[in-house]
Protein backbone atom coordinates (compact mmCIF):
# COMPACT_ATOMS: atom_id res chain seq x y z
CA UNK A 1 -0.05 -0.31 0.09
CA UNK A 2 2.99 2.35 -0.69
CA UNK A 3 0.75 4.55 -3.00
CA UNK A 4 -1.91 5.00 -0.01
CA UNK A 5 -1.53 7.99 2.19
CA UNK A 6 -3.13 8.00 5.75
CA UNK A 7 -3.62 11.71 7.32
CA UNK A 8 -5.84 13.54 9.35
CA UNK A 9 -8.94 15.28 7.16
CA UNK A 10 -8.88 18.76 6.74
CA UNK A 11 -11.67 21.28 6.94
CA UNK A 12 -11.78 22.00 3.59
CA UNK A 13 -13.04 18.35 2.71
CA UNK A 14 -15.93 18.28 4.62
CA UNK A 15 -18.06 18.50 1.28
CA UNK A 16 -16.21 15.70 -0.23
CA UNK A 17 -16.14 13.63 3.01
CA UNK A 18 -19.90 13.78 3.17
CA UNK A 19 -20.47 12.97 -0.38
CA UNK A 20 -18.05 10.10 0.37
CA UNK A 21 -20.02 8.62 2.99
CA UNK A 22 -23.09 8.88 1.24
CA UNK A 23 -21.85 6.32 -1.26
CA UNK A 24 -19.24 4.61 0.79
CA UNK A 25 -20.89 4.22 4.28
CA UNK A 26 -23.73 2.44 5.67
CA UNK A 27 -26.34 4.11 7.47
CA UNK A 28 -26.57 7.99 8.44
CA UNK A 29 -26.30 10.12 11.64
CA UNK A 30 -27.87 13.30 12.80
CA UNK A 31 -24.25 14.72 13.04
CA UNK A 32 -23.79 13.90 9.22
CA UNK A 33 -23.57 17.61 7.96
CA UNK A 34 -21.21 20.30 7.60
CA UNK A 35 -21.66 21.82 11.03
CA UNK A 36 -21.38 18.51 12.81
CA UNK A 37 -18.05 17.69 10.90
CA UNK A 38 -16.65 21.36 11.47
CA UNK A 39 -17.39 20.81 15.11
CA UNK A 40 -15.26 17.39 15.25
CA UNK A 41 -12.56 19.00 13.73
CA UNK A 42 -12.39 21.94 15.45
CA UNK A 43 -12.27 19.92 18.91
CA UNK A 44 -10.10 17.28 17.59
CA UNK A 45 -8.30 18.03 14.10
CA UNK A 46 -6.92 14.57 14.26
CA UNK A 47 -10.06 12.68 15.25
CA UNK A 48 -10.91 12.07 11.53
CA UNK A 49 -8.61 10.05 9.53
CA UNK A 50 -8.52 9.54 5.74
CA UNK A 51 -7.15 7.43 3.25
CA UNK A 52 -6.17 8.97 0.21
CA UNK A 53 -4.93 7.17 -3.07
CA UNK A 54 -4.24 9.30 -6.37
CA UNK A 55 -5.39 12.75 -4.77
CA UNK A 56 -8.96 10.90 -3.87
CA UNK A 57 -10.48 10.02 -0.88
CA UNK A 58 -10.17 5.88 -0.57
CA UNK A 59 -11.46 5.50 3.05
CA UNK A 60 -12.22 7.13 6.40
CA UNK A 61 -12.31 6.35 10.00
CA UNK A 62 -13.16 8.56 12.99
CA UNK A 63 -11.15 7.62 16.02
CA UNK A 64 -12.71 9.68 18.97
CA UNK A 65 -10.88 10.18 22.06
CA UNK A 66 -12.31 11.76 25.21
CA UNK A 67 -9.46 11.03 27.52
CA UNK A 68 -11.13 7.75 28.59
CA UNK A 69 -12.71 6.16 25.88
CA UNK A 70 -11.29 5.45 22.63
CA UNK A 71 -14.17 5.07 19.99
CA UNK A 72 -14.39 4.29 16.41
CA UNK A 73 -16.87 5.56 13.80
CA UNK A 74 -17.41 5.75 10.11
CA UNK A 75 -14.77 3.44 8.81
CA UNK A 76 -15.60 3.48 5.14
CA UNK A 77 -14.07 2.38 2.12
CA UNK A 78 -14.50 3.31 -1.40
CA UNK A 79 -16.59 0.44 -2.67
CA UNK A 80 -14.41 -0.03 -5.88
CA UNK A 81 -11.14 -0.20 -3.50
CA UNK A 82 -12.60 -2.85 -0.93
CA UNK A 83 -10.52 -5.64 0.12
CA UNK A 84 -7.18 -3.93 -0.65
CA UNK A 85 -5.99 -3.28 2.88
CA UNK A 86 -7.40 0.38 3.21
CA UNK A 87 -9.47 -0.35 6.02
CA UNK A 88 -6.84 -1.97 7.97
CA UNK A 89 -4.51 0.59 7.16
CA UNK A 90 -7.22 3.16 8.70
CA UNK A 91 -7.95 1.10 11.80
CA UNK A 92 -3.84 0.67 12.32
CA UNK A 93 -3.53 4.31 12.37
CA UNK A 94 -6.53 4.70 14.54
CA UNK A 95 -5.23 2.42 16.70
CA UNK A 96 -1.42 4.05 16.77
CA UNK A 97 -3.29 7.34 17.82
CA UNK A 98 -5.14 5.66 20.77
CA UNK A 99 -1.98 3.96 22.14
CA UNK A 100 -0.11 7.12 22.00
CA UNK A 101 -2.98 9.11 23.97
CA UNK A 102 -3.27 6.40 26.80
CA UNK A 103 -6.07 4.40 25.45
CA UNK A 104 -6.31 0.70 26.48
CA UNK A 105 -9.46 -0.33 24.57
CA UNK A 106 -11.12 0.60 21.08
CA UNK A 107 -14.85 0.33 20.68
CA UNK A 108 -16.46 0.54 17.36
CA UNK A 109 -20.07 1.53 16.62
CA UNK A 110 -21.19 -1.07 13.81
CA UNK A 111 -24.77 -1.21 12.58
CA UNK A 112 -26.60 -4.75 13.21
CA UNK A 113 -27.49 -5.13 9.62
CA UNK A 114 -23.92 -3.82 8.33
CA UNK A 115 -23.02 -7.93 7.75
CA UNK A 116 -20.07 -6.55 5.55
CA UNK A 117 -18.67 -4.01 8.27
CA UNK A 118 -19.01 -6.69 10.75
CA UNK A 119 -16.93 -9.13 8.95
CA UNK A 120 -14.21 -6.48 8.59
CA UNK A 121 -14.08 -5.47 12.23
CA UNK A 122 -13.82 -9.44 13.21
CA UNK A 123 -11.04 -9.71 10.64
CA UNK A 124 -9.24 -6.75 12.30
CA UNK A 125 -9.57 -8.66 15.74
CA UNK A 126 -12.67 -6.94 17.05
CA UNK A 127 -15.45 -8.85 18.63
CA UNK A 128 -18.87 -8.11 19.55
CA UNK A 129 -19.98 -7.88 23.01
CA UNK A 130 -23.71 -8.78 23.01
CA UNK A 131 -24.18 -7.81 26.56
CA UNK A 132 -23.92 -4.29 25.70
CA UNK A 133 -26.86 -2.07 24.15
CA UNK A 134 -26.75 1.51 22.51
CA UNK A 135 -29.08 3.82 24.20
CA UNK A 136 -29.43 7.10 22.51
CA UNK A 137 -31.36 10.32 22.90
CA UNK A 138 -31.21 13.22 20.57
CA UNK A 139 -30.70 16.41 22.18
CA UNK A 140 -32.33 19.52 21.63
CA UNK A 141 -31.13 22.07 19.04
């Protein structure tokens, strides 16, 4: 993967990132908008990691760290480039980031219906913990 560049996303890429997720990621989130991504990058400029090949986005992962928990979101790889190690390279970068920050465990959010994603996470050494459930409540704006 010598032609792959792994780096933090730039604020100028927000529109391209949202377009990329619409074709490469499973599901959507209420924070999938320019303001949500801008807040993420303002708060933690290294949290959104991108893979670039030939000047184009090839994949993404959000490696969020709050000082206690290492959380992974939006692992997405261009459908035309899957099964070439891009997801593994992104996860390696995220895990290195967490280790450098003092993280001891990484948690990933994966949709139940996303079988392809579940296989990718399992291949990367992650396992499902069925005893946990995600509880959510949208906050007023």
